[in-house]
Amino acid sequence: MDSIKFSDIFKSNFLEKTTSFSLIDSIIGLVVAFFIGLFIYAVYKKTFNGVIYSHSFNISLLIMTMATALVIMGISSNVLLSLGMVGALSIVRFRTPIKDPMDLVYIFWAIVSGILCGAGFIPLVIIGAVLIGLVLLVFVNKITVENPYLLIIKFEEELANAEVERIIAAQTKKFALKSKSIMQNDEIETTYEIRVKQNDAKLMDQLTKVSGVKSAIMLSYDGNFTA
């Protein structure tokens, strides 16, 4: 019986995969993914307009870019591994709700950049990152978007409703009634979507002076209304 060498056991498995693995290309891809992720990190921090900045979410964009590139490098030369990876990733569920649509844009940007880095399209990912970053910096920071407000008013008498709408029409650029409800104590609550003029304090001052009005609250929102 012929003797079996130790290398023959792994010849069709371990050694073939090792020889097909390019260490230089992998390092270049991961380094580029790191710098692209760092660029996404800087753009997100520069364009963030919310109230509470999440440093951990921003760091996750950097790690997501590198991790996606690593996954693509691993599955690009092995069909069985790619099928297994798809099955493994299919059980992953994101439990953190994405409240800002721009956060979803940055997540998608990080994943796409990681895919391109892992596939070796280095010039494409660099050009795309520069163009997307410039668009975000220009449109988010330079162009101001006038957000609407919700105006919630509670009053006791139906006659006050006409006076309230007269004041709203005079002091706002545009308004629309979103809901109107009658409480158990016969109080009436109305919700308006309004676009205020420069002096919104004057509007609130006039509304609170109307006879029968108990309260007036103005809230900023993103345009999504649920009655």
Protein backbone atom coordinates (compact mmCIF):
# COMPACT_ATOMS: atom_id res chain seq x y z
CA MET A 1 0.00 0.00 0.00
CA ASP A 2 1.41 3.39 -0.99
CA SER A 3 2.23 5.83 1.78
CA ILE A 4 0.12 8.92 1.99
CA LYS A 5 1.92 12.19 2.50
CA PHE A 6 0.55 14.79 4.85
CA SER A 7 0.42 17.39 2.06
CA ASP A 8 -1.67 15.08 -0.11
CA ILE A 9 -4.49 15.18 2.44
CA PHE A 10 -4.89 18.93 2.04
CA LYS A 11 -3.81 19.21 -1.57
CA SER A 12 -7.33 19.48 -2.98
CA ASN A 13 -8.63 21.59 -0.16
CA PHE A 14 -6.46 23.73 2.03
CA LEU A 15 -3.42 24.30 -0.18
CA GLU A 16 -5.43 25.13 -3.29
CA LYS A 17 -7.44 27.76 -1.47
CA THR A 18 -4.27 29.21 0.05
CA THR A 19 -2.53 29.54 -3.30
CA SER A 20 -5.61 31.20 -4.85
CA PHE A 21 -5.68 33.72 -2.03
CA SER A 22 -3.90 36.97 -2.89
CA LEU A 23 -2.62 38.61 0.27
CA ILE A 24 -1.53 41.82 -1.49
CA ASP A 25 -4.89 42.35 -3.21
CA SER A 26 -6.75 41.68 0.04
CA ILE A 27 -4.65 44.17 1.99
CA ILE A 28 -5.12 46.81 -0.71
CA GLY A 29 -8.88 46.22 -0.73
CA LEU A 30 -9.16 46.44 3.06
CA VAL A 31 -6.97 49.56 3.24
CA VAL A 32 -9.06 51.29 0.56
CA ALA A 33 -12.24 50.18 2.35
CA PHE A 34 -10.86 51.71 5.57
CA PHE A 35 -10.16 55.08 3.96
CA ILE A 36 -13.52 55.08 2.13
CA GLY A 37 -15.25 54.25 5.42
CA LEU A 38 -13.28 57.03 7.10
CA PHE A 39 -14.45 59.41 4.37
CA ILE A 40 -18.07 58.31 4.93
CA TYR A 41 -17.51 58.85 8.67
CA ALA A 42 -16.30 62.42 8.07
CA VAL A 43 -19.13 63.28 5.65
CA TYR A 44 -21.78 61.92 8.03
CA LYS A 45 -20.35 63.93 10.94
CA LYS A 46 -20.16 67.08 8.79
CA THR A 47 -23.71 66.80 7.41
CA PHE A 48 -25.49 65.63 10.58
CA ASN A 49 -28.34 68.02 11.38
CA GLY A 50 -30.18 66.10 14.08
CA VAL A 51 -30.37 66.77 17.79
CA ILE A 52 -28.41 63.82 19.20
CA TYR A 53 -25.31 62.75 17.27
CA SER A 54 -24.63 58.99 17.51
CA HIS A 55 -20.89 58.36 17.45
CA SER A 56 -21.41 54.58 17.64
CA PHE A 57 -23.60 54.63 14.52
CA ASN A 58 -20.97 56.62 12.65
CA ILE A 59 -18.24 54.17 13.69
CA SER A 60 -20.47 51.31 12.54
CA LEU A 61 -20.46 52.82 9.02
CA LEU A 62 -16.67 52.54 8.94
CA ILE A 63 -16.69 48.95 10.23
CA MET A 64 -19.54 48.03 7.88
CA THR A 65 -17.51 49.16 4.85
CA MET A 66 -14.51 47.04 5.86
CA ALA A 67 -16.60 44.02 6.90
CA THR A 68 -18.53 44.03 3.63
CA ALA A 69 -15.27 44.17 1.66
CA LEU A 70 -13.94 41.25 3.71
CA VAL A 71 -17.04 39.18 3.00
CA ILE A 72 -16.91 39.87 -0.74
CA MET A 73 -13.22 38.87 -0.85
CA GLY A 74 -14.03 35.59 0.86
CA ILE A 75 -16.95 34.57 -1.32
CA SER A 76 -15.76 35.92 -4.68
CA SER A 77 -13.67 32.83 -5.52
CA ASN A 78 -15.80 30.14 -3.91
CA VAL A 79 -19.34 29.35 -5.00
CA LEU A 80 -20.11 27.04 -2.06
CA LEU A 81 -18.87 29.60 0.43
CA SER A 82 -20.96 32.31 -1.22
CA LEU A 83 -24.11 30.19 -0.95
CA GLY A 84 -23.38 29.44 2.69
CA MET A 85 -22.74 33.10 3.42
CA VAL A 86 -26.05 34.11 1.83
CA GLY A 87 -27.84 31.57 3.99
CA ALA A 88 -26.06 32.79 7.12
CA LEU A 89 -26.76 36.45 6.41
CA SER A 90 -30.43 35.74 5.69
CA ILE A 91 -31.05 35.14 9.41
CA VAL A 92 -29.62 38.54 10.38
CA ARG A 93 -32.25 41.09 11.37
CA PHE A 94 -31.72 44.77 12.16
CA ARG A 95 -33.42 45.53 15.47
CA THR A 96 -32.51 49.21 15.61
CA PRO A 97 -35.15 51.37 13.90
CA ILE A 98 -33.83 53.82 11.30
CA LYS A 99 -35.74 57.05 11.99
CA ASP A 100 -33.86 59.37 9.64
CA PRO A 101 -33.95 58.41 5.93
CA MET A 102 -30.47 59.89 5.54
CA ASP A 103 -29.09 57.26 7.93
CA LEU A 104 -30.38 54.60 5.55
CA VAL A 105 -28.59 56.37 2.69
CA TYR A 106 -25.28 56.22 4.59
CA ILE A 107 -25.77 52.53 5.42
CA PHE A 108 -26.41 51.74 1.76
CA TRP A 109 -23.39 53.85 0.75
CA ALA A 110 -21.14 51.96 3.19
CA ILE A 111 -22.35 48.54 1.97
CA VAL A 112 -21.98 49.42 -1.73
CA SER A 113 -18.48 50.82 -1.11
CA GLY A 114 -17.49 47.64 0.72
CA ILE A 115 -18.78 45.48 -2.13
CA LEU A 116 -16.81 47.46 -4.71
CA CYS A 117 -13.63 47.37 -2.60
CA GLY A 118 -13.97 43.62 -2.11
CA ALA A 119 -14.55 43.07 -5.82
CA GLY A 120 -11.46 45.11 -6.72
CA PHE A 121 -13.15 48.10 -8.35
CA ILE A 122 -10.88 50.57 -6.56
CA PRO A 123 -11.04 53.49 -9.05
CA LEU A 124 -14.85 53.21 -9.24
CA VAL A 125 -15.34 53.28 -5.47
CA ILE A 126 -13.00 56.28 -5.09
CA ILE A 127 -14.72 58.29 -7.83
CA GLY A 128 -18.15 57.35 -6.49
CA ALA A 129 -17.23 58.28 -2.92
CA VAL A 130 -15.93 61.71 -3.96
CA LEU A 131 -19.03 62.50 -6.04
CA ILE A 132 -21.51 61.26 -3.42
CA GLY A 133 -19.66 63.13 -0.68
CA LEU A 134 -19.73 66.37 -2.65
CA VAL A 135 -23.47 65.99 -3.36
CA LEU A 136 -24.22 65.39 0.32
CA LEU A 137 -22.09 68.30 1.48
CA VAL A 138 -23.71 70.69 -1.00
CA PHE A 139 -27.34 69.65 -0.66
CA VAL A 140 -27.42 68.99 3.09
CA ASN A 141 -25.43 71.98 4.33
CA LYS A 142 -25.97 74.64 1.65
CA ILE A 143 -29.58 74.20 0.61
CA THR A 144 -32.08 74.96 3.36
CA VAL A 145 -35.37 73.12 3.39
CA GLU A 146 -38.34 74.68 5.16
CA ASN A 147 -39.85 72.03 7.40
CA PRO A 148 -43.55 72.23 8.28
CA TYR A 149 -44.94 72.44 11.80
CA LEU A 150 -47.84 70.82 13.58
CA LEU A 151 -50.07 73.26 15.44
CA ILE A 152 -52.23 71.59 18.08
CA ILE A 153 -54.95 73.80 19.57
CA LYS A 154 -57.47 73.00 22.30
CA PHE A 155 -60.50 75.25 22.81
CA GLU A 156 -63.84 75.02 24.55
CA GLU A 157 -66.19 76.87 22.21
CA GLU A 158 -66.88 76.09 18.56
CA LEU A 159 -67.08 79.84 17.88
CA ALA A 160 -63.36 80.13 18.65
CA ASN A 161 -62.60 77.88 15.70
CA ALA A 162 -63.35 80.58 13.13
CA GLU A 163 -61.16 83.11 14.93
CA VAL A 164 -58.35 80.58 15.22
CA GLU A 165 -58.39 79.83 11.49
CA ARG A 166 -58.48 83.56 10.69
CA ILE A 167 -55.33 84.14 12.73
CA ILE A 168 -53.59 81.09 11.25
CA ALA A 169 -54.41 82.22 7.70
CA ALA A 170 -53.05 85.70 8.40
CA GLN A 171 -49.85 84.63 10.15
CA THR A 172 -48.77 81.62 8.06
CA LYS A 173 -47.69 81.04 4.48
CA LYS A 174 -49.82 77.94 4.13
CA PHE A 175 -51.91 75.74 6.41
CA ALA A 176 -54.06 72.61 6.26
CA LEU A 177 -56.37 71.00 8.80
CA LYS A 178 -55.11 67.50 9.61
CA SER A 179 -57.52 66.36 12.32
CA LYS A 180 -60.34 67.56 14.53
CA SER A 181 -61.65 65.68 17.54
CA ILE A 182 -64.10 66.32 20.40
CA MET A 183 -63.02 65.24 23.88
CA GLN A 184 -65.23 63.81 26.62
CA ASN A 185 -65.42 67.17 28.39
CA ASP A 186 -66.67 68.81 25.15
CA GLU A 187 -63.26 70.27 24.44
CA ILE A 188 -62.27 70.46 20.78
CA GLU A 189 -58.76 69.62 19.63
CA THR A 190 -57.60 70.54 16.14
CA THR A 191 -54.30 69.79 14.45
CA TYR A 192 -53.01 71.94 11.59
CA GLU A 193 -50.02 71.53 9.34
CA ILE A 194 -48.58 75.00 8.87
CA ARG A 195 -45.64 76.74 7.24
CA VAL A 196 -44.79 79.69 9.39
CA LYS A 197 -43.49 83.12 8.47
CA GLN A 198 -40.44 84.63 10.12
CA ASN A 199 -42.11 85.65 13.38
CA ASP A 200 -43.81 82.49 14.64
CA ALA A 201 -43.91 83.82 18.23
CA LYS A 202 -46.51 86.36 17.16
CA LEU A 203 -48.78 83.56 15.94
CA MET A 204 -48.65 81.71 19.26
CA ASP A 205 -49.23 84.94 21.19
CA GLN A 206 -52.36 85.79 19.22
CA LEU A 207 -53.77 82.27 19.47
CA THR A 208 -53.45 82.10 23.25
CA LYS A 209 -55.34 85.42 23.56
CA VAL A 210 -58.42 84.12 21.71
CA SER A 211 -61.40 83.64 24.01
CA GLY A 212 -62.04 79.94 24.59
CA VAL A 213 -58.58 78.70 23.59
CA LYS A 214 -57.05 76.66 26.40
CA SER A 215 -53.71 75.71 24.86
CA ALA A 216 -51.70 75.99 21.65
CA ILE A 217 -48.67 73.82 20.92
CA MET A 218 -46.44 74.01 17.84
CA LEU A 219 -44.22 71.04 16.97
CA SER A 220 -41.69 70.55 14.21
CA TYR A 221 -42.06 67.31 12.22
CA ASP A 222 -40.85 65.64 9.03
CA GLY A 223 -44.12 65.61 7.09
CA ASN A 224 -45.35 62.17 8.19
CA PHE A 225 -48.66 62.49 10.00
CA THR A 226 -50.69 59.80 11.70
CA ALA A 227 -54.13 60.84 12.88
